[in-house]
């Protein structure tokens, strides 16, 4: 089995480069991509490539961390678009040949913490 951490790194690098052919090569034919917060699902390599390739706007991303164990991996990326930054946590599983079989993306929105905690924390 291929190294799922390296495959996930390639997935993000090829997305950033807009190299959709190489991006597609990281995906299994029957890949399943899900976004639980919006209840969206995209099935199949062609659909996932199209979903990403046709995303509107000028954006960039930077991988903070990829952690893998066996045939599973998780990544943390910083995504910038129109001078705003957000972060994503993505969970991946590998197919038998080491390509990405499932992707589950979480795009949490930043929020202000409760004021009653301010004496206990340092803001960054």
C-alpha atoms as a PDB file:
ATOM      1  CA  UNK A   1       0.000   0.000   0.000  1.00  0.00           C
ATOM      2  CA  UNK A   2       1.181   3.499  -0.808  1.00  0.00           C
ATOM      3  CA  UNK A   3       1.820   6.030   1.951  1.00  0.00           C
ATOM      4  CA  UNK A   4      -1.524   7.814   2.557  1.00  0.00           C
ATOM      5  CA  UNK A   5       0.271  10.790   4.165  1.00  0.00           C
ATOM      6  CA  UNK A   6       2.272  11.348   0.962  1.00  0.00           C
ATOM      7  CA  UNK A   7      -0.894  10.974  -1.118  1.00  0.00           C
ATOM      8  CA  UNK A   8      -2.704  13.580   0.986  1.00  0.00           C
ATOM      9  CA  UNK A   9       0.276  15.946   0.686  1.00  0.00           C
ATOM     10  CA  UNK A  10       0.135  15.447  -3.107  1.00  0.00           C
ATOM     11  CA  UNK A  11      -3.634  16.011  -3.089  1.00  0.00           C
ATOM     12  CA  UNK A  12      -3.198  19.430  -1.469  1.00  0.00           C
ATOM     13  CA  UNK A  13      -0.099  20.396  -3.499  1.00  0.00           C
ATOM     14  CA  UNK A  14      -1.805  19.606  -6.804  1.00  0.00           C
ATOM     15  CA  UNK A  15      -4.954  21.488  -5.719  1.00  0.00           C
ATOM     16  CA  UNK A  16      -2.832  24.542  -4.869  1.00  0.00           C
ATOM     17  CA  UNK A  17      -1.059  24.246  -8.255  1.00  0.00           C
ATOM     18  CA  UNK A  18      -4.423  23.813 -10.058  1.00  0.00           C
ATOM     19  CA  UNK A  19      -2.934  20.709 -11.690  1.00  0.00           C
ATOM     20  CA  UNK A  20      -6.255  18.921 -12.029  1.00  0.00           C
ATOM     21  CA  UNK A  21      -4.856  15.921 -13.901  1.00  0.00           C
ATOM     22  CA  UNK A  22      -2.365  15.203 -11.083  1.00  0.00           C
ATOM     23  CA  UNK A  23      -5.033  16.028  -8.493  1.00  0.00           C
ATOM     24  CA  UNK A  24      -7.318  13.417 -10.068  1.00  0.00           C
ATOM     25  CA  UNK A  25      -4.513  10.857  -9.976  1.00  0.00           C
ATOM     26  CA  UNK A  26      -4.562  11.000  -6.143  1.00  0.00           C
ATOM     27  CA  UNK A  27      -8.220   9.891  -6.115  1.00  0.00           C
ATOM     28  CA  UNK A  28      -9.757   6.441  -6.401  1.00  0.00           C
ATOM     29  CA  UNK A  29     -12.262   6.045  -9.238  1.00  0.00           C
ATOM     30  CA  UNK A  30     -15.108   5.701  -6.716  1.00  0.00           C
ATOM     31  CA  UNK A  31     -13.956   8.399  -4.278  1.00  0.00           C
ATOM     32  CA  UNK A  32     -16.612   9.862  -1.981  1.00  0.00           C
ATOM     33  CA  UNK A  33     -16.271  13.500  -0.864  1.00  0.00           C
ATOM     34  CA  UNK A  34     -18.532  14.787   1.929  1.00  0.00           C
ATOM     35  CA  UNK A  35     -19.055  18.128   3.659  1.00  0.00           C
ATOM     36  CA  UNK A  36     -21.167  17.388   6.777  1.00  0.00           C
ATOM     37  CA  UNK A  37     -21.801  21.043   7.649  1.00  0.00           C
ATOM     38  CA  UNK A  38     -23.590  21.688   4.333  1.00  0.00           C
ATOM     39  CA  UNK A  39     -24.762  18.087   3.826  1.00  0.00           C
ATOM     40  CA  UNK A  40     -23.150  17.938   0.370  1.00  0.00           C
ATOM     41  CA  UNK A  41     -21.695  14.818  -1.224  1.00  0.00           C
ATOM     42  CA  UNK A  42     -19.778  14.353  -4.470  1.00  0.00           C
ATOM     43  CA  UNK A  43     -19.236  10.850  -5.847  1.00  0.00           C
ATOM     44  CA  UNK A  44     -16.525   9.695  -8.247  1.00  0.00           C
ATOM     45  CA  UNK A  45     -13.189  11.048  -9.392  1.00  0.00           C
ATOM     46  CA  UNK A  46     -14.578  13.206 -12.212  1.00  0.00           C
ATOM     47  CA  UNK A  47     -17.098  14.834  -9.888  1.00  0.00           C
ATOM     48  CA  UNK A  48     -14.535  15.623  -7.187  1.00  0.00           C
ATOM     49  CA  UNK A  49     -12.089  17.056  -9.736  1.00  0.00           C
ATOM     50  CA  UNK A  50     -14.844  19.196 -11.265  1.00  0.00           C
ATOM     51  CA  UNK A  51     -16.060  20.378  -7.841  1.00  0.00           C
ATOM     52  CA  UNK A  52     -12.561  21.656  -7.036  1.00  0.00           C
ATOM     53  CA  UNK A  53     -11.564  22.903 -10.500  1.00  0.00           C
ATOM     54  CA  UNK A  54     -14.714  25.000 -10.862  1.00  0.00           C
ATOM     55  CA  UNK A  55     -14.516  26.572  -7.406  1.00  0.00           C
ATOM     56  CA  UNK A  56     -14.801  30.309  -8.030  1.00  0.00           C
ATOM     57  CA  UNK A  57     -12.489  32.976  -6.703  1.00  0.00           C
ATOM     58  CA  UNK A  58      -8.801  33.509  -6.151  1.00  0.00           C
ATOM     59  CA  UNK A  59      -7.687  31.232  -3.367  1.00  0.00           C
ATOM     60  CA  UNK A  60      -4.592  29.606  -1.956  1.00  0.00           C
ATOM     61  CA  UNK A  61      -3.939  27.045   0.701  1.00  0.00           C
ATOM     62  CA  UNK A  62      -1.131  26.011   2.980  1.00  0.00           C
ATOM     63  CA  UNK A  63      -0.848  22.659   4.688  1.00  0.00           C
ATOM     64  CA  UNK A  64      -0.199  22.989   8.404  1.00  0.00           C
ATOM     65  CA  UNK A  65      -0.099  19.287   9.230  1.00  0.00           C
ATOM     66  CA  UNK A  66      -0.857  15.804   7.928  1.00  0.00           C
ATOM     67  CA  UNK A  67      -1.079  12.896  10.356  1.00  0.00           C
ATOM     68  CA  UNK A  68      -1.545   9.346   9.118  1.00  0.00           C
ATOM     69  CA  UNK A  69      -1.915   5.889  10.578  1.00  0.00           C
ATOM     70  CA  UNK A  70      -2.311   2.876   8.339  1.00  0.00           C
ATOM     71  CA  UNK A  71      -4.893   3.687   5.711  1.00  0.00           C
ATOM     72  CA  UNK A  72      -6.282   6.818   7.388  1.00  0.00           C
ATOM     73  CA  UNK A  73      -5.059  10.402   7.481  1.00  0.00           C
ATOM     74  CA  UNK A  74      -6.158  13.790   8.728  1.00  0.00           C
ATOM     75  CA  UNK A  75      -4.970  17.179   7.503  1.00  0.00           C
ATOM     76  CA  UNK A  76      -5.179  20.731   8.744  1.00  0.00           C
ATOM     77  CA  UNK A  77      -4.964  23.419   6.060  1.00  0.00           C
ATOM     78  CA  UNK A  78      -5.168  27.196   6.035  1.00  0.00           C
ATOM     79  CA  UNK A  79      -7.269  28.448   3.146  1.00  0.00           C
ATOM     80  CA  UNK A  80      -7.073  32.080   2.000  1.00  0.00           C
ATOM     81  CA  UNK A  81      -9.516  33.782  -0.310  1.00  0.00           C
ATOM     82  CA  UNK A  82     -10.012  37.506  -0.918  1.00  0.00           C
ATOM     83  CA  UNK A  83      -7.742  38.417   2.018  1.00  0.00           C
ATOM     84  CA  UNK A  84      -9.757  36.265   4.433  1.00  0.00           C
ATOM     85  CA  UNK A  85      -8.383  33.113   5.996  1.00  0.00           C
ATOM     86  CA  UNK A  86     -10.204  30.060   7.211  1.00  0.00           C
ATOM     87  CA  UNK A  87      -9.017  26.646   8.258  1.00  0.00           C
ATOM     88  CA  UNK A  88     -10.141  23.172   7.338  1.00  0.00           C
ATOM     89  CA  UNK A  89      -9.798  19.775   8.935  1.00  0.00           C
ATOM     90  CA  UNK A  90     -10.087  16.900   6.464  1.00  0.00           C
ATOM     91  CA  UNK A  91     -10.269  13.168   7.091  1.00  0.00           C
ATOM     92  CA  UNK A  92      -9.110  10.716   4.412  1.00  0.00           C
ATOM     93  CA  UNK A  93      -9.139   6.971   3.906  1.00  0.00           C
ATOM     94  CA  UNK A  94      -7.072   5.115   1.345  1.00  0.00           C
ATOM     95  CA  UNK A  95      -8.157   2.562  -1.217  1.00  0.00           C
ATOM     96  CA  UNK A  96      -6.258  -0.734  -1.571  1.00  0.00           C
ATOM     97  CA  UNK A  97      -3.937   0.871  -4.156  1.00  0.00           C
ATOM     98  CA  UNK A  98      -3.167   3.865  -1.902  1.00  0.00           C
ATOM     99  CA  UNK A  99      -5.310   6.475  -3.635  1.00  0.00           C
ATOM    100  CA  UNK A 100      -7.865   8.512  -1.692  1.00  0.00           C
ATOM    101  CA  UNK A 101     -11.159   6.663  -1.259  1.00  0.00           C
ATOM    102  CA  UNK A 102     -13.031   9.010   1.106  1.00  0.00           C
ATOM    103  CA  UNK A 103     -12.671  12.656   2.069  1.00  0.00           C
ATOM    104  CA  UNK A 104     -14.683  14.338   4.805  1.00  0.00           C
ATOM    105  CA  UNK A 105     -14.112  18.109   5.077  1.00  0.00           C
ATOM    106  CA  UNK A 106     -14.945  20.344   8.031  1.00  0.00           C
ATOM    107  CA  UNK A 107     -14.684  24.116   7.526  1.00  0.00           C
ATOM    108  CA  UNK A 108     -15.289  25.609  10.980  1.00  0.00           C
ATOM    109  CA  UNK A 109     -16.226  29.268  11.227  1.00  0.00           C
ATOM    110  CA  UNK A 110     -14.228  31.375  13.700  1.00  0.00           C
ATOM    111  CA  UNK A 111     -16.134  32.883  16.594  1.00  0.00           C
ATOM    112  CA  UNK A 112     -15.516  35.058  19.625  1.00  0.00           C
ATOM    113  CA  UNK A 113     -15.198  33.185  22.930  1.00  0.00           C
ATOM    114  CA  UNK A 114     -17.434  33.968  25.902  1.00  0.00           C
ATOM    115  CA  UNK A 115     -16.248  37.003  27.882  1.00  0.00           C
ATOM    116  CA  UNK A 116     -16.289  35.051  31.150  1.00  0.00           C
ATOM    117  CA  UNK A 117     -13.235  33.080  29.978  1.00  0.00           C
ATOM    118  CA  UNK A 118     -11.023  36.056  29.128  1.00  0.00           C
ATOM    119  CA  UNK A 119      -9.148  35.992  32.464  1.00  0.00           C
ATOM    120  CA  UNK A 120      -8.216  32.304  31.885  1.00  0.00           C
ATOM    121  CA  UNK A 121      -6.818  32.476  28.360  1.00  0.00           C
ATOM    122  CA  UNK A 122      -4.372  34.250  26.129  1.00  0.00           C
ATOM    123  CA  UNK A 123      -5.722  35.353  22.719  1.00  0.00           C
ATOM    124  CA  UNK A 124      -3.590  34.976  19.599  1.00  0.00           C
END
